[in-house]
Amino acid sequence: MKIEVARQRIESAMAQYGAQAGMAIDLVINEVRSDLGAATANELIDEFDLELQYNIAPLESDYSNS
């Protein structure tokens, strides 16, 4: 998955489900982590403030240096 696609899916879930979008967004974040790594997933978590809004915490880094 490309990061642009992930952004669109997150935005779409937020618009469609509002406060209930957490599960859909979590699936996107997990797919991003699998395809692009934890650092990229954490960027999206920060960018959309997902930790505060949906209780989606940043992920452990895939590597010792991030």
PDB file of N, CA and C in Angstrom:
ATOM      1  N   MET A   1       0.847  -1.184   0.000  1.00  0.00           N
ATOM      2  CA  MET A   1       0.000   0.000   0.000  1.00  0.00           C
ATOM      3  C   MET A   1       0.884   1.237   0.000  1.00  0.00           C
ATOM      4  N   LYS A   2       0.482   2.209  -0.766  1.00  0.00           N
ATOM      5  CA  LYS A   2       1.206   3.480  -0.788  1.00  0.00           C
ATOM      6  C   LYS A   2       0.643   4.393   0.295  1.00  0.00           C
ATOM      7  N   ILE A   3       1.481   5.281   0.812  1.00  0.00           N
ATOM      8  CA  ILE A   3       1.066   6.169   1.893  1.00  0.00           C
ATOM      9  C   ILE A   3      -0.082   7.078   1.465  1.00  0.00           C
ATOM     10  N   GLU A   4      -0.110   7.458   0.183  1.00  0.00           N
ATOM     11  CA  GLU A   4      -1.201   8.309  -0.297  1.00  0.00           C
ATOM     12  C   GLU A   4      -2.541   7.580  -0.206  1.00  0.00           C
ATOM     13  N   VAL A   5      -2.533   6.294  -0.530  1.00  0.00           N
ATOM     14  CA  VAL A   5      -3.743   5.476  -0.438  1.00  0.00           C
ATOM     15  C   VAL A   5      -4.173   5.350   1.021  1.00  0.00           C
ATOM     16  N   ALA A   6      -3.209   5.149   1.899  1.00  0.00           N
ATOM     17  CA  ALA A   6      -3.516   5.037   3.325  1.00  0.00           C
ATOM     18  C   ALA A   6      -4.153   6.326   3.841  1.00  0.00           C
ATOM     19  N   ARG A   7      -3.605   7.469   3.441  1.00  0.00           N
ATOM     20  CA  ARG A   7      -4.181   8.757   3.853  1.00  0.00           C
ATOM     21  C   ARG A   7      -5.628   8.877   3.394  1.00  0.00           C
ATOM     22  N   GLN A   8      -5.882   8.503   2.139  1.00  0.00           N
ATOM     23  CA  GLN A   8      -7.241   8.586   1.602  1.00  0.00           C
ATOM     24  C   GLN A   8      -8.187   7.669   2.370  1.00  0.00           C
ATOM     25  N   ARG A   9      -7.731   6.472   2.696  1.00  0.00           N
ATOM     26  CA  ARG A   9      -8.580   5.524   3.421  1.00  0.00           C
ATOM     27  C   ARG A   9      -8.872   6.012   4.834  1.00  0.00           C
ATOM     28  N   ILE A  10      -7.874   6.612   5.486  1.00  0.00           N
ATOM     29  CA  ILE A  10      -8.088   7.155   6.829  1.00  0.00           C
ATOM     30  C   ILE A  10      -9.076   8.314   6.773  1.00  0.00           C
ATOM     31  N   GLU A  11      -8.856   9.226   5.829  1.00  0.00           N
ATOM     32  CA  GLU A  11      -9.767  10.372   5.694  1.00  0.00           C
ATOM     33  C   GLU A  11     -11.186   9.910   5.388  1.00  0.00           C
ATOM     34  N   SER A  12     -11.309   8.921   4.528  1.00  0.00           N
ATOM     35  CA  SER A  12     -12.619   8.394   4.175  1.00  0.00           C
ATOM     36  C   SER A  12     -13.311   7.766   5.389  1.00  0.00           C
ATOM     37  N   ALA A  13     -12.572   6.992   6.162  1.00  0.00           N
ATOM     38  CA  ALA A  13     -13.138   6.364   7.357  1.00  0.00           C
ATOM     39  C   ALA A  13     -13.571   7.419   8.368  1.00  0.00           C
ATOM     40  N   MET A  14     -12.764   8.461   8.539  1.00  0.00           N
ATOM     41  CA  MET A  14     -13.106   9.532   9.481  1.00  0.00           C
ATOM     42  C   MET A  14     -14.382  10.246   9.029  1.00  0.00           C
ATOM     43  N   ALA A  15     -14.496  10.501   7.726  1.00  0.00           N
ATOM     44  CA  ALA A  15     -15.672  11.189   7.201  1.00  0.00           C
ATOM     45  C   ALA A  15     -16.916  10.308   7.282  1.00  0.00           C
ATOM     46  N   GLN A  16     -16.745   9.032   6.989  1.00  0.00           N
ATOM     47  CA  GLN A  16     -17.890   8.129   6.944  1.00  0.00           C
ATOM     48  C   GLN A  16     -18.354   7.703   8.331  1.00  0.00           C
ATOM     49  N   TYR A  17     -17.413   7.382   9.227  1.00  0.00           N
ATOM     50  CA  TYR A  17     -17.769   6.809  10.519  1.00  0.00           C
ATOM     51  C   TYR A  17     -17.596   7.752  11.706  1.00  0.00           C
ATOM     52  N   GLY A  18     -16.930   8.888  11.501  1.00  0.00           N
ATOM     53  CA  GLY A  18     -16.746   9.841  12.589  1.00  0.00           C
ATOM     54  C   GLY A  18     -16.032   9.222  13.779  1.00  0.00           C
ATOM     55  N   ALA A  19     -16.625   9.368  14.951  1.00  0.00           N
ATOM     56  CA  ALA A  19     -16.010   8.887  16.192  1.00  0.00           C
ATOM     57  C   ALA A  19     -15.915   7.363  16.241  1.00  0.00           C
ATOM     58  N   GLN A  20     -16.639   6.677  15.363  1.00  0.00           N
ATOM     59  CA  GLN A  20     -16.635   5.211  15.343  1.00  0.00           C
ATOM     60  C   GLN A  20     -15.641   4.634  14.333  1.00  0.00           C
ATOM     61  N   ALA A  21     -14.774   5.461  13.798  1.00  0.00           N
ATOM     62  CA  ALA A  21     -13.861   5.032  12.731  1.00  0.00           C
ATOM     63  C   ALA A  21     -12.644   4.276  13.228  1.00  0.00           C
ATOM     64  N   GLY A  22     -12.465   4.169  14.510  1.00  0.00           N
ATOM     65  CA  GLY A  22     -11.247   3.579  15.075  1.00  0.00           C
ATOM     66  C   GLY A  22     -10.888   2.214  14.525  1.00  0.00           C
ATOM     67  N   MET A  23     -11.866   1.320  14.426  1.00  0.00           N
ATOM     68  CA  MET A  23     -11.564  -0.040  13.953  1.00  0.00           C
ATOM     69  C   MET A  23     -11.117  -0.035  12.492  1.00  0.00           C
ATOM     70  N   ALA A  24     -11.784   0.740  11.656  1.00  0.00           N
ATOM     71  CA  ALA A  24     -11.413   0.816  10.250  1.00  0.00           C
ATOM     72  C   ALA A  24     -10.017   1.420  10.090  1.00  0.00           C
ATOM     73  N   ILE A  25      -9.741   2.461  10.858  1.00  0.00           N
ATOM     74  CA  ILE A  25      -8.431   3.121  10.788  1.00  0.00           C
ATOM     75  C   ILE A  25      -7.343   2.193  11.302  1.00  0.00           C
ATOM     76  N   ASP A  26      -7.639   1.444  12.345  1.00  0.00           N
ATOM     77  CA  ASP A  26      -6.668   0.504  12.899  1.00  0.00           C
ATOM     78  C   ASP A  26      -6.266  -0.537  11.848  1.00  0.00           C
ATOM     79  N   LEU A  27      -7.215  -0.982  11.057  1.00  0.00           N
ATOM     80  CA  LEU A  27      -6.904  -1.934   9.985  1.00  0.00           C
ATOM     81  C   LEU A  27      -5.956  -1.302   8.961  1.00  0.00           C
ATOM     82  N   VAL A  28      -6.207  -0.047   8.618  1.00  0.00           N
ATOM     83  CA  VAL A  28      -5.331   0.652   7.671  1.00  0.00           C
ATOM     84  C   VAL A  28      -3.925   0.788   8.257  1.00  0.00           C
ATOM     85  N   ILE A  29      -3.835   1.186   9.521  1.00  0.00           N
ATOM     86  CA  ILE A  29      -2.529   1.351  10.179  1.00  0.00           C
ATOM     87  C   ILE A  29      -1.769   0.025  10.205  1.00  0.00           C
ATOM     88  N   ASN A  30      -2.463  -1.063  10.495  1.00  0.00           N
ATOM     89  CA  ASN A  30      -1.800  -2.375  10.508  1.00  0.00           C
ATOM     90  C   ASN A  30      -1.302  -2.763   9.122  1.00  0.00           C
ATOM     91  N   GLU A  31      -2.064  -2.446   8.099  1.00  0.00           N
ATOM     92  CA  GLU A  31      -1.645  -2.740   6.730  1.00  0.00           C
ATOM     93  C   GLU A  31      -0.438  -1.882   6.344  1.00  0.00           C
ATOM     94  N   VAL A  32      -0.454  -0.621   6.746  1.00  0.00           N
ATOM     95  CA  VAL A  32       0.687   0.269   6.481  1.00  0.00           C
ATOM     96  C   VAL A  32       1.934  -0.261   7.178  1.00  0.00           C
ATOM     97  N   ARG A  33       1.783  -0.680   8.421  1.00  0.00           N
ATOM     98  CA  ARG A  33       2.932  -1.203   9.159  1.00  0.00           C
ATOM     99  C   ARG A  33       3.504  -2.427   8.455  1.00  0.00           C
ATOM    100  N   SER A  34       2.627  -3.295   7.993  1.00  0.00           N
ATOM    101  CA  SER A  34       3.065  -4.502   7.311  1.00  0.00           C
ATOM    102  C   SER A  34       3.783  -4.181   6.006  1.00  0.00           C
ATOM    103  N   ASP A  35       3.230  -3.234   5.231  1.00  0.00           N
ATOM    104  CA  ASP A  35       3.773  -2.926   3.914  1.00  0.00           C
ATOM    105  C   ASP A  35       4.924  -1.930   3.937  1.00  0.00           C
ATOM    106  N   LEU A  36       4.826  -0.921   4.812  1.00  0.00           N
ATOM    107  CA  LEU A  36       5.773   0.205   4.770  1.00  0.00           C
ATOM    108  C   LEU A  36       6.597   0.384   6.043  1.00  0.00           C
ATOM    109  N   GLY A  37       6.272  -0.354   7.088  1.00  0.00           N
ATOM    110  CA  GLY A  37       7.034  -0.273   8.325  1.00  0.00           C
ATOM    111  C   GLY A  37       6.364   0.566   9.397  1.00  0.00           C
ATOM    112  N   ALA A  38       6.811   0.361  10.630  1.00  0.00           N
ATOM    113  CA  ALA A  38       6.232   1.041  11.788  1.00  0.00           C
ATOM    114  C   ALA A  38       6.456   2.547  11.741  1.00  0.00           C
ATOM    115  N   ALA A  39       7.598   2.979  11.233  1.00  0.00           N
ATOM    116  CA  ALA A  39       7.886   4.415  11.193  1.00  0.00           C
ATOM    117  C   ALA A  39       6.853   5.149  10.341  1.00  0.00           C
ATOM    118  N   THR A  40       6.490   4.575   9.200  1.00  0.00           N
ATOM    119  CA  THR A  40       5.486   5.195   8.333  1.00  0.00           C
ATOM    120  C   THR A  40       4.119   5.177   8.996  1.00  0.00           C
ATOM    121  N   ALA A  41       3.788   4.071   9.639  1.00  0.00           N
ATOM    122  CA  ALA A  41       2.512   3.986  10.366  1.00  0.00           C
ATOM    123  C   ALA A  41       2.461   5.042  11.460  1.00  0.00           C
ATOM    124  N   ASN A  42       3.561   5.232  12.177  1.00  0.00           N
ATOM    125  CA  ASN A  42       3.609   6.236  13.237  1.00  0.00           C
ATOM    126  C   ASN A  42       3.460   7.645  12.670  1.00  0.00           C
ATOM    127  N   GLU A  43       3.997   7.889  11.482  1.00  0.00           N
ATOM    128  CA  GLU A  43       3.822   9.197  10.841  1.00  0.00           C
ATOM    129  C   GLU A  43       2.343   9.488  10.616  1.00  0.00           C
ATOM    130  N   LEU A  44       1.610   8.483  10.148  1.00  0.00           N
ATOM    131  CA  LEU A  44       0.174   8.664   9.923  1.00  0.00           C
ATOM    132  C   LEU A  44      -0.579   8.852  11.240  1.00  0.00           C
ATOM    133  N   ILE A  45      -0.179   8.115  12.260  1.00  0.00           N
ATOM    134  CA  ILE A  45      -0.805   8.258  13.581  1.00  0.00           C
ATOM    135  C   ILE A  45      -0.624   9.689  14.076  1.00  0.00           C
ATOM    136  N   ASP A  46       0.580  10.223  13.912  1.00  0.00           N
ATOM    137  CA  ASP A  46       0.847  11.603  14.324  1.00  0.00           C
ATOM    138  C   ASP A  46       0.111  12.609  13.439  1.00  0.00           C
ATOM    139  N   GLU A  47       0.167  12.379  12.133  1.00  0.00           N
ATOM    140  CA  GLU A  47      -0.428  13.310  11.171  1.00  0.00           C
ATOM    141  C   GLU A  47      -1.926  13.508  11.414  1.00  0.00           C
ATOM    142  N   PHE A  48      -2.619  12.418  11.697  1.00  0.00           N
ATOM    143  CA  PHE A  48      -4.066  12.493  11.892  1.00  0.00           C
ATOM    144  C   PHE A  48      -4.463  12.537  13.371  1.00  0.00           C
ATOM    145  N   ASP A  49      -3.481  12.618  14.275  1.00  0.00           N
ATOM    146  CA  ASP A  49      -3.736  12.673  15.711  1.00  0.00           C
ATOM    147  C   ASP A  49      -4.616  11.501  16.161  1.00  0.00           C
ATOM    148  N   LEU A  50      -4.288  10.314  15.665  1.00  0.00           N
ATOM    149  CA  LEU A  50      -5.118   9.132  15.907  1.00  0.00           C
ATOM    150  C   LEU A  50      -5.054   8.644  17.342  1.00  0.00           C
ATOM    151  N   GLU A  51      -3.940   8.912  18.014  1.00  0.00           N
ATOM    152  CA  GLU A  51      -3.829   8.469  19.402  1.00  0.00           C
ATOM    153  C   GLU A  51      -4.861   9.182  20.268  1.00  0.00           C
ATOM    154  N   LEU A  52      -4.992  10.469  20.096  1.00  0.00           N
ATOM    155  CA  LEU A  52      -5.937  11.248  20.894  1.00  0.00           C
ATOM    156  C   LEU A  52      -7.381  10.969  20.482  1.00  0.00           C
ATOM    157  N   GLN A  53      -7.645  10.938  19.181  1.00  0.00           N
ATOM    158  CA  GLN A  53      -9.016  10.792  18.700  1.00  0.00           C
ATOM    159  C   GLN A  53      -9.559   9.376  18.794  1.00  0.00           C
ATOM    160  N   TYR A  54      -8.701   8.379  18.505  1.00  0.00           N
ATOM    161  CA  TYR A  54      -9.187   6.997  18.396  1.00  0.00           C
ATOM    162  C   TYR A  54      -8.425   6.010  19.276  1.00  0.00           C
ATOM    163  N   ASN A  55      -7.562   6.519  20.142  1.00  0.00           N
ATOM    164  CA  ASN A  55      -6.782   5.677  21.047  1.00  0.00           C
ATOM    165  C   ASN A  55      -5.922   4.659  20.285  1.00  0.00           C
ATOM    166  N   ILE A  56      -5.385   5.077  19.133  1.00  0.00           N
ATOM    167  CA  ILE A  56      -4.480   4.242  18.353  1.00  0.00           C
ATOM    168  C   ILE A  56      -3.064   4.734  18.648  1.00  0.00           C
ATOM    169  N   ALA A  57      -2.346   3.956  19.432  1.00  0.00           N
ATOM    170  CA  ALA A  57      -1.023   4.369  19.907  1.00  0.00           C
ATOM    171  C   ALA A  57       0.043   4.111  18.847  1.00  0.00           C
ATOM    172  N   PRO A  58       1.112   4.895  18.876  1.00  0.00           N
ATOM    173  CA  PRO A  58       2.241   4.641  17.967  1.00  0.00           C
ATOM    174  C   PRO A  58       2.782   3.227  18.180  1.00  0.00           C
ATOM    175  N   LEU A  59       3.350   2.670  17.128  1.00  0.00           N
ATOM    176  CA  LEU A  59       3.845   1.305  17.158  1.00  0.00           C
ATOM    177  C   LEU A  59       5.318   1.270  17.497  1.00  0.00           C
ATOM    178  N   GLU A  60       5.744   0.138  18.005  1.00  0.00           N
ATOM    179  CA  GLU A  60       7.173  -0.072  18.243  1.00  0.00           C
ATOM    180  C   GLU A  60       7.893   0.002  16.905  1.00  0.00           C
ATOM    181  N   SER A  61       9.072   0.548  16.897  1.00  0.00           N
ATOM    182  CA  SER A  61       9.848   0.655  15.671  1.00  0.00           C
ATOM    183  C   SER A  61      10.273  -0.711  15.176  1.00  0.00           C
ATOM    184  N   ASP A  62      10.345  -0.859  13.853  1.00  0.00           N
ATOM    185  CA  ASP A  62      10.811  -2.105  13.252  1.00  0.00           C
ATOM    186  C   ASP A  62      12.328  -2.269  13.436  1.00  0.00           C
ATOM    187  N   TYR A  63      12.995  -1.157  13.620  1.00  0.00           N
ATOM    188  CA  TYR A  63      14.452  -1.142  13.701  1.00  0.00           C
ATOM    189  C   TYR A  63      14.868  -0.412  14.965  1.00  0.00           C
ATOM    190  N   SER A  64      16.117  -0.643  15.380  1.00  0.00           N
ATOM    191  CA  SER A  64      16.592   0.001  16.601  1.00  0.00           C
ATOM    192  C   SER A  64      16.745   1.502  16.431  1.00  0.00           C
ATOM    193  N   ASN A  65      17.011   1.959  15.203  1.00  0.00           N
ATOM    194  CA  ASN A  65      17.074   3.398  14.952  1.00  0.00           C
ATOM    195  C   ASN A  65      15.909   3.796  14.060  1.00  0.00           C
ATOM    196  N   SER A  66      15.181   4.810  14.460  1.00  0.00           N
ATOM    197  CA  SER A  66      14.020   5.210  13.669  1.00  0.00           C
ATOM    198  C   SER A  66      14.340   6.358  12.859  1.00  0.00           C
TER     199      SER A  66
END
